[in-house]
Amino acid sequence: MFSKSCEYGIRASIYVAKNSLKGRKVSLKDVALHTDSPPAFMAKILQKLTKTEVLSSMKGPTGGFFVPLDRIEDVSLLTIVLAMDGDGIFEDCTLGLRRCDGQKPCPMHFAFVKIREEMRESLETKSLKSLADEVSDGITFLKR
């Protein structure tokens, strides 16, 4: 459903948020290790998440990646998906046609309108804090 970059971006954001709630910043190496992702690939993902202000970073010996606690509830899963993949999952044709809308629909167009609306709503209502809390409480996991 999401690109590999987006999947890693979501996992990375949750891991960073989980640590931010405990007052810790995390390194690229830590994020890659705890999300089972290649470090070089994760570096690009963290750069994108920082550039789009999903995450923040500080350089230096006490630096690392973090989510400011005053923003952690405002960052939704939708924010991360849009930062990583853009809105194509909601706008592009399911069958890959260049033009597909209500006026000139593909065979799957109307079936996916409701699914996309429900998915957008689900992603929008799930905060980064709630996801991080679920991982911290052992309800959900970032690794198998």
N, C-alpha and C. Protein backbone atom coordinates (compact mmCIF):
# COMPACT_ATOMS: atom_id res chain seq x y z
N MET A 1 0.83 -1.19 0.00
CA MET A 1 0.00 0.00 0.00
C MET A 1 0.87 1.26 0.00
N PHE A 2 1.89 1.30 0.88
CA PHE A 2 2.81 2.43 0.92
C PHE A 2 4.13 2.02 0.29
N SER A 3 4.91 3.01 -0.12
CA SER A 3 6.24 2.71 -0.64
C SER A 3 7.11 2.18 0.50
N LYS A 4 8.21 1.52 0.15
CA LYS A 4 9.15 1.02 1.16
C LYS A 4 9.69 2.20 1.98
N SER A 5 9.97 3.32 1.33
CA SER A 5 10.45 4.51 2.04
C SER A 5 9.44 4.97 3.08
N CYS A 6 8.18 4.96 2.70
CA CYS A 6 7.12 5.39 3.61
C CYS A 6 7.00 4.43 4.79
N GLU A 7 7.05 3.13 4.52
CA GLU A 7 6.98 2.15 5.60
C GLU A 7 8.11 2.38 6.60
N TYR A 8 9.33 2.54 6.10
CA TYR A 8 10.46 2.80 6.99
C TYR A 8 10.31 4.14 7.69
N GLY A 9 9.76 5.13 6.98
CA GLY A 9 9.56 6.45 7.58
C GLY A 9 8.57 6.41 8.73
N ILE A 10 7.52 5.63 8.58
CA ILE A 10 6.53 5.48 9.65
C ILE A 10 7.18 4.80 10.85
N ARG A 11 7.88 3.70 10.60
CA ARG A 11 8.52 2.98 11.70
C ARG A 11 9.56 3.85 12.41
N ALA A 12 10.34 4.58 11.62
CA ALA A 12 11.36 5.46 12.20
C ALA A 12 10.71 6.55 13.05
N SER A 13 9.64 7.15 12.54
CA SER A 13 8.97 8.22 13.28
C SER A 13 8.41 7.71 14.60
N ILE A 14 7.84 6.52 14.58
CA ILE A 14 7.31 5.94 15.82
C ILE A 14 8.44 5.68 16.81
N TYR A 15 9.55 5.12 16.32
CA TYR A 15 10.68 4.83 17.21
C TYR A 15 11.24 6.13 17.81
N VAL A 16 11.40 7.14 16.98
CA VAL A 16 11.92 8.43 17.47
C VAL A 16 10.94 9.02 18.49
N ALA A 17 9.65 8.98 18.18
CA ALA A 17 8.64 9.53 19.10
C ALA A 17 8.64 8.79 20.43
N LYS A 18 8.73 7.47 20.37
CA LYS A 18 8.76 6.65 21.59
C LYS A 18 9.90 7.11 22.50
N ASN A 19 11.06 7.35 21.92
CA ASN A 19 12.20 7.81 22.70
C ASN A 19 12.05 9.25 23.14
N SER A 20 11.44 10.07 22.32
CA SER A 20 11.21 11.47 22.68
C SER A 20 10.32 11.57 23.92
N LEU A 21 9.35 10.68 24.00
CA LEU A 21 8.47 10.68 25.18
C LEU A 21 9.24 10.35 26.45
N LYS A 22 10.38 9.69 26.31
CA LYS A 22 11.23 9.36 27.45
C LYS A 22 12.36 10.38 27.62
N GLY A 23 12.32 11.46 26.84
CA GLY A 23 13.32 12.52 26.95
C GLY A 23 14.64 12.21 26.27
N ARG A 24 14.64 11.26 25.32
CA ARG A 24 15.87 10.85 24.66
C ARG A 24 15.86 11.21 23.18
N LYS A 25 17.05 11.58 22.70
CA LYS A 25 17.28 11.74 21.27
C LYS A 25 17.95 10.45 20.79
N VAL A 26 17.74 10.09 19.53
CA VAL A 26 18.30 8.86 19.02
C VAL A 26 19.14 9.12 17.77
N SER A 27 20.14 8.27 17.59
CA SER A 27 21.04 8.41 16.44
C SER A 27 20.48 7.66 15.24
N LEU A 28 21.03 7.97 14.08
CA LEU A 28 20.69 7.26 12.85
C LEU A 28 20.91 5.76 13.04
N LYS A 29 22.03 5.40 13.64
CA LYS A 29 22.37 4.00 13.86
C LYS A 29 21.30 3.30 14.71
N ASP A 30 20.86 3.97 15.77
CA ASP A 30 19.81 3.40 16.63
C ASP A 30 18.51 3.21 15.87
N VAL A 31 18.12 4.20 15.10
CA VAL A 31 16.87 4.12 14.35
C VAL A 31 16.93 2.96 13.36
N ALA A 32 18.04 2.87 12.62
CA ALA A 32 18.19 1.79 11.63
C ALA A 32 18.14 0.43 12.32
N LEU A 33 18.83 0.30 13.42
CA LEU A 33 18.87 -0.97 14.15
C LEU A 33 17.49 -1.38 14.66
N HIS A 34 16.78 -0.45 15.25
CA HIS A 34 15.49 -0.78 15.88
C HIS A 34 14.31 -0.81 14.93
N THR A 35 14.55 -0.52 13.66
CA THR A 35 13.47 -0.60 12.67
C THR A 35 13.83 -1.57 11.55
N ASP A 36 14.92 -2.31 11.74
CA ASP A 36 15.37 -3.29 10.72
C ASP A 36 15.49 -2.67 9.34
N SER A 37 16.16 -1.54 9.27
CA SER A 37 16.31 -0.86 7.98
C SER A 37 17.79 -0.59 7.68
N PRO A 38 18.15 -0.57 6.41
CA PRO A 38 19.53 -0.28 6.03
C PRO A 38 19.92 1.15 6.43
N PRO A 39 21.05 1.34 7.10
CA PRO A 39 21.45 2.68 7.57
C PRO A 39 21.51 3.74 6.48
N ALA A 40 22.05 3.41 5.31
CA ALA A 40 22.16 4.41 4.24
C ALA A 40 20.78 4.85 3.76
N PHE A 41 19.88 3.90 3.65
CA PHE A 41 18.50 4.21 3.24
C PHE A 41 17.80 5.01 4.33
N MET A 42 18.02 4.63 5.58
CA MET A 42 17.41 5.33 6.70
C MET A 42 17.92 6.76 6.80
N ALA A 43 19.17 7.00 6.45
CA ALA A 43 19.72 8.36 6.49
C ALA A 43 18.91 9.28 5.57
N LYS A 44 18.58 8.80 4.39
CA LYS A 44 17.79 9.60 3.44
C LYS A 44 16.37 9.83 3.95
N ILE A 45 15.82 8.81 4.57
CA ILE A 45 14.47 8.92 5.11
C ILE A 45 14.41 9.92 6.25
N LEU A 46 15.37 9.83 7.17
CA LEU A 46 15.42 10.77 8.29
C LEU A 46 15.65 12.20 7.81
N GLN A 47 16.45 12.33 6.78
CA GLN A 47 16.68 13.66 6.19
C GLN A 47 15.36 14.24 5.67
N LYS A 48 14.59 13.41 4.97
CA LYS A 48 13.30 13.86 4.42
C LYS A 48 12.31 14.19 5.54
N LEU A 49 12.26 13.35 6.57
CA LEU A 49 11.35 13.59 7.69
C LEU A 49 11.73 14.85 8.46
N THR A 50 13.01 15.15 8.53
CA THR A 50 13.47 16.36 9.20
C THR A 50 13.16 17.59 8.35
N LYS A 51 13.40 17.46 7.06
CA LYS A 51 13.15 18.57 6.13
C LYS A 51 11.66 18.94 6.11
N THR A 52 10.79 17.95 6.22
CA THR A 52 9.34 18.20 6.21
C THR A 52 8.80 18.46 7.62
N GLU A 53 9.68 18.56 8.59
CA GLU A 53 9.38 18.90 9.98
C GLU A 53 8.50 17.89 10.70
N VAL A 54 8.53 16.63 10.25
CA VAL A 54 7.90 15.56 11.01
C VAL A 54 8.77 15.30 12.23
N LEU A 55 10.09 15.24 12.01
CA LEU A 55 11.07 15.06 13.08
C LEU A 55 11.96 16.28 13.17
N SER A 56 12.68 16.39 14.26
CA SER A 56 13.69 17.43 14.43
C SER A 56 15.02 16.75 14.71
N SER A 57 16.10 17.49 14.52
CA SER A 57 17.41 16.91 14.83
C SER A 57 18.32 17.98 15.39
N MET A 58 19.29 17.50 16.16
CA MET A 58 20.33 18.37 16.72
C MET A 58 21.66 17.70 16.47
N LYS A 59 22.65 18.50 16.12
CA LYS A 59 24.00 17.97 15.93
C LYS A 59 24.77 18.03 17.23
N GLY A 60 25.85 17.30 17.27
CA GLY A 60 26.73 17.35 18.43
C GLY A 60 26.64 16.10 19.28
N PRO A 61 27.47 16.06 20.32
CA PRO A 61 27.55 14.87 21.17
C PRO A 61 26.25 14.52 21.89
N THR A 62 25.42 15.50 22.16
CA THR A 62 24.13 15.21 22.82
C THR A 62 22.97 15.33 21.83
N GLY A 63 23.31 15.32 20.56
CA GLY A 63 22.29 15.49 19.53
C GLY A 63 21.63 14.18 19.13
N GLY A 64 20.86 14.27 18.09
CA GLY A 64 20.15 13.12 17.57
C GLY A 64 18.81 13.54 17.03
N PHE A 65 17.97 12.57 16.73
CA PHE A 65 16.64 12.83 16.20
C PHE A 65 15.62 12.78 17.33
N PHE A 66 14.60 13.64 17.23
CA PHE A 66 13.57 13.71 18.25
C PHE A 66 12.32 14.37 17.68
N VAL A 67 11.25 14.25 18.44
CA VAL A 67 10.01 14.95 18.12
C VAL A 67 9.74 15.88 19.30
N PRO A 68 9.66 17.19 19.06
CA PRO A 68 9.35 18.10 20.17
C PRO A 68 8.02 17.71 20.82
N LEU A 69 8.02 17.63 22.12
CA LEU A 69 6.84 17.15 22.85
C LEU A 69 5.62 18.03 22.63
N ASP A 70 5.83 19.31 22.33
CA ASP A 70 4.68 20.18 22.09
C ASP A 70 4.04 19.93 20.72
N ARG A 71 4.68 19.12 19.88
CA ARG A 71 4.14 18.81 18.54
C ARG A 71 3.77 17.33 18.38
N ILE A 72 4.12 16.50 19.33
CA ILE A 72 4.01 15.06 19.14
C ILE A 72 2.56 14.59 18.92
N GLU A 73 1.60 15.28 19.50
CA GLU A 73 0.20 14.89 19.28
C GLU A 73 -0.36 15.48 17.99
N ASP A 74 0.30 16.50 17.46
CA ASP A 74 -0.17 17.14 16.23
C ASP A 74 0.28 16.41 14.97
N VAL A 75 1.31 15.59 15.10
CA VAL A 75 1.80 14.84 13.93
C VAL A 75 0.95 13.59 13.79
N SER A 76 0.25 13.50 12.67
CA SER A 76 -0.59 12.33 12.42
C SER A 76 0.14 11.37 11.49
N LEU A 77 -0.38 10.18 11.41
CA LEU A 77 0.15 9.21 10.47
C LEU A 77 0.01 9.75 9.05
N LEU A 78 -1.06 10.49 8.79
CA LEU A 78 -1.25 11.11 7.48
C LEU A 78 -0.12 12.08 7.17
N THR A 79 0.32 12.84 8.15
CA THR A 79 1.42 13.79 7.97
C THR A 79 2.67 13.05 7.48
N ILE A 80 2.95 11.91 8.08
CA ILE A 80 4.14 11.13 7.70
C ILE A 80 3.98 10.56 6.29
N VAL A 81 2.81 10.01 5.99
CA VAL A 81 2.57 9.44 4.66
C VAL A 81 2.71 10.52 3.59
N LEU A 82 2.13 11.69 3.82
CA LEU A 82 2.23 12.78 2.85
C LEU A 82 3.68 13.26 2.70
N ALA A 83 4.41 13.29 3.80
CA ALA A 83 5.82 13.71 3.74
C ALA A 83 6.65 12.73 2.92
N MET A 84 6.36 11.46 3.06
CA MET A 84 7.17 10.44 2.39
C MET A 84 6.70 10.14 0.96
N ASP A 85 5.39 9.99 0.76
CA ASP A 85 4.86 9.54 -0.53
C ASP A 85 4.04 10.57 -1.28
N GLY A 86 3.74 11.70 -0.64
CA GLY A 86 2.85 12.66 -1.28
C GLY A 86 1.42 12.17 -1.22
N ASP A 87 0.54 12.82 -1.97
CA ASP A 87 -0.88 12.46 -1.90
C ASP A 87 -1.32 11.52 -3.01
N GLY A 88 -0.38 10.92 -3.72
CA GLY A 88 -0.70 10.02 -4.82
C GLY A 88 -1.59 8.87 -4.43
N ILE A 89 -1.43 8.35 -3.24
CA ILE A 89 -2.25 7.23 -2.79
C ILE A 89 -3.73 7.61 -2.73
N PHE A 90 -4.00 8.90 -2.59
CA PHE A 90 -5.38 9.38 -2.52
C PHE A 90 -5.86 9.97 -3.84
N GLU A 91 -4.93 10.35 -4.70
CA GLU A 91 -5.29 11.06 -5.92
C GLU A 91 -5.07 10.28 -7.21
N ASP A 92 -4.03 9.47 -7.26
CA ASP A 92 -3.70 8.77 -8.50
C ASP A 92 -4.69 7.65 -8.81
N CYS A 93 -4.80 7.35 -10.06
CA CYS A 93 -5.69 6.27 -10.50
C CYS A 93 -5.18 4.93 -9.98
N THR A 94 -6.10 4.13 -9.49
CA THR A 94 -5.78 2.80 -8.98
C THR A 94 -5.17 1.92 -10.06
N LEU A 95 -5.58 2.11 -11.30
CA LEU A 95 -5.07 1.31 -12.42
C LEU A 95 -3.92 1.98 -13.15
N GLY A 96 -3.51 3.16 -12.67
CA GLY A 96 -2.36 3.83 -13.25
C GLY A 96 -2.65 4.68 -14.49
N LEU A 97 -3.93 4.96 -14.74
CA LEU A 97 -4.27 5.80 -15.89
C LEU A 97 -3.86 7.24 -15.62
N ARG A 98 -3.49 7.95 -16.68
CA ARG A 98 -3.07 9.35 -16.52
C ARG A 98 -4.23 10.22 -16.04
N ARG A 99 -5.41 9.95 -16.55
CA ARG A 99 -6.57 10.74 -16.14
C ARG A 99 -7.67 9.80 -15.68
N CYS A 100 -8.13 10.03 -14.49
CA CYS A 100 -9.20 9.21 -13.92
C CYS A 100 -9.91 10.06 -12.88
N ASP A 101 -11.16 10.35 -13.10
CA ASP A 101 -11.94 11.12 -12.14
C ASP A 101 -13.41 10.77 -12.30
N GLY A 102 -14.27 11.48 -11.60
CA GLY A 102 -15.69 11.21 -11.67
C GLY A 102 -16.28 11.40 -13.05
N GLN A 103 -15.67 12.26 -13.87
CA GLN A 103 -16.15 12.52 -15.23
C GLN A 103 -15.71 11.44 -16.21
N LYS A 104 -14.51 10.94 -16.00
CA LYS A 104 -13.96 9.91 -16.89
C LYS A 104 -13.27 8.86 -16.00
N PRO A 105 -14.07 8.01 -15.35
CA PRO A 105 -13.52 7.06 -14.38
C PRO A 105 -12.96 5.79 -15.01
N CYS A 106 -11.98 5.21 -14.33
CA CYS A 106 -11.52 3.87 -14.70
C CYS A 106 -12.51 2.87 -14.09
N PRO A 107 -12.40 1.60 -14.42
CA PRO A 107 -13.35 0.62 -13.88
C PRO A 107 -13.33 0.50 -12.34
N MET A 108 -12.25 0.92 -11.70
CA MET A 108 -12.13 0.79 -10.24
C MET A 108 -12.40 2.10 -9.50
N HIS A 109 -12.56 3.20 -10.22
CA HIS A 109 -12.63 4.54 -9.62
C HIS A 109 -13.64 4.63 -8.47
N PHE A 110 -14.90 4.32 -8.73
CA PHE A 110 -15.93 4.53 -7.72
C PHE A 110 -15.80 3.56 -6.55
N ALA A 111 -15.27 2.39 -6.79
CA ALA A 111 -15.06 1.43 -5.71
C ALA A 111 -14.01 1.95 -4.72
N PHE A 112 -13.03 2.70 -5.23
CA PHE A 112 -11.94 3.16 -4.37
C PHE A 112 -12.16 4.53 -3.76
N VAL A 113 -13.15 5.27 -4.19
CA VAL A 113 -13.40 6.59 -3.61
C VAL A 113 -13.66 6.48 -2.11
N LYS A 114 -14.56 5.60 -1.72
CA LYS A 114 -14.89 5.43 -0.30
C LYS A 114 -13.70 4.86 0.49
N ILE A 115 -13.01 3.90 -0.09
CA ILE A 115 -11.84 3.30 0.58
C ILE A 115 -10.79 4.36 0.86
N ARG A 116 -10.54 5.21 -0.12
CA ARG A 116 -9.54 6.28 0.05
C ARG A 116 -9.97 7.28 1.11
N GLU A 117 -11.25 7.62 1.14
CA GLU A 117 -11.75 8.56 2.16
C GLU A 117 -11.59 7.97 3.56
N GLU A 118 -11.93 6.69 3.70
CA GLU A 118 -11.80 6.03 5.00
C GLU A 118 -10.34 5.90 5.42
N MET A 119 -9.47 5.60 4.45
CA MET A 119 -8.05 5.48 4.77
C MET A 119 -7.49 6.84 5.20
N ARG A 120 -7.84 7.90 4.48
CA ARG A 120 -7.36 9.23 4.84
C ARG A 120 -7.81 9.59 6.26
N GLU A 121 -9.07 9.30 6.57
CA GLU A 121 -9.59 9.60 7.90
C GLU A 121 -8.87 8.80 8.98
N SER A 122 -8.62 7.53 8.71
CA SER A 122 -7.91 6.69 9.68
C SER A 122 -6.50 7.20 9.92
N LEU A 123 -5.81 7.56 8.85
CA LEU A 123 -4.43 8.06 8.98
C LEU A 123 -4.40 9.40 9.68
N GLU A 124 -5.42 10.21 9.43
CA GLU A 124 -5.48 11.55 10.01
C GLU A 124 -5.77 11.51 11.51
N THR A 125 -6.52 10.51 11.96
CA THR A 125 -6.91 10.47 13.37
C THR A 125 -5.91 9.73 14.26
N LYS A 126 -4.92 9.08 13.67
CA LYS A 126 -3.92 8.34 14.45
C LYS A 126 -2.70 9.24 14.65
N SER A 127 -2.46 9.67 15.90
CA SER A 127 -1.34 10.56 16.17
C SER A 127 -0.05 9.78 16.40
N LEU A 128 1.05 10.44 16.16
CA LEU A 128 2.36 9.84 16.39
C LEU A 128 2.51 9.47 17.87
N LYS A 129 1.96 10.27 18.74
CA LYS A 129 2.04 9.96 20.18
C LYS A 129 1.29 8.67 20.49
N SER A 130 0.09 8.51 19.95
CA SER A 130 -0.69 7.29 20.24
C SER A 130 0.02 6.05 19.70
N LEU A 131 0.65 6.16 18.54
CA LEU A 131 1.40 5.04 17.98
C LEU A 131 2.61 4.71 18.85
N ALA A 132 3.31 5.74 19.30
CA ALA A 132 4.49 5.54 20.15
C ALA A 132 4.08 4.93 21.50
N ASP A 133 2.95 5.37 22.03
CA ASP A 133 2.45 4.81 23.30
C ASP A 133 2.14 3.33 23.15
N GLU A 134 1.52 2.95 22.03
CA GLU A 134 1.17 1.55 21.80
C GLU A 134 2.42 0.67 21.73
N VAL A 135 3.48 1.18 21.10
CA VAL A 135 4.73 0.44 21.01
C VAL A 135 5.38 0.34 22.39
N SER A 136 5.39 1.44 23.11
CA SER A 136 5.99 1.45 24.45
C SER A 136 5.25 0.52 25.40
N ASP A 137 3.94 0.41 25.24
CA ASP A 137 3.14 -0.45 26.12
C ASP A 137 3.15 -1.91 25.69
N GLY A 138 3.81 -2.22 24.57
CA GLY A 138 3.86 -3.60 24.11
C GLY A 138 2.62 -4.07 23.37
N ILE A 139 1.73 -3.13 23.03
CA ILE A 139 0.51 -3.49 22.30
C ILE A 139 0.83 -3.76 20.84
N THR A 140 1.76 -2.95 20.30
CA THR A 140 2.20 -3.12 18.91
C THR A 140 3.71 -3.17 18.86
N PHE A 141 4.26 -3.55 17.69
CA PHE A 141 5.71 -3.75 17.56
C PHE A 141 6.23 -3.13 16.27
N LEU A 142 7.51 -2.77 16.28
CA LEU A 142 8.18 -2.22 15.09
C LEU A 142 9.02 -3.27 14.39
N LYS A 143 9.31 -4.37 15.06
CA LYS A 143 10.12 -5.45 14.49
C LYS A 143 9.39 -6.76 14.74
N ARG A 144 9.68 -7.73 13.89
CA ARG A 144 9.11 -9.07 14.12
C ARG A 144 9.97 -9.85 15.07
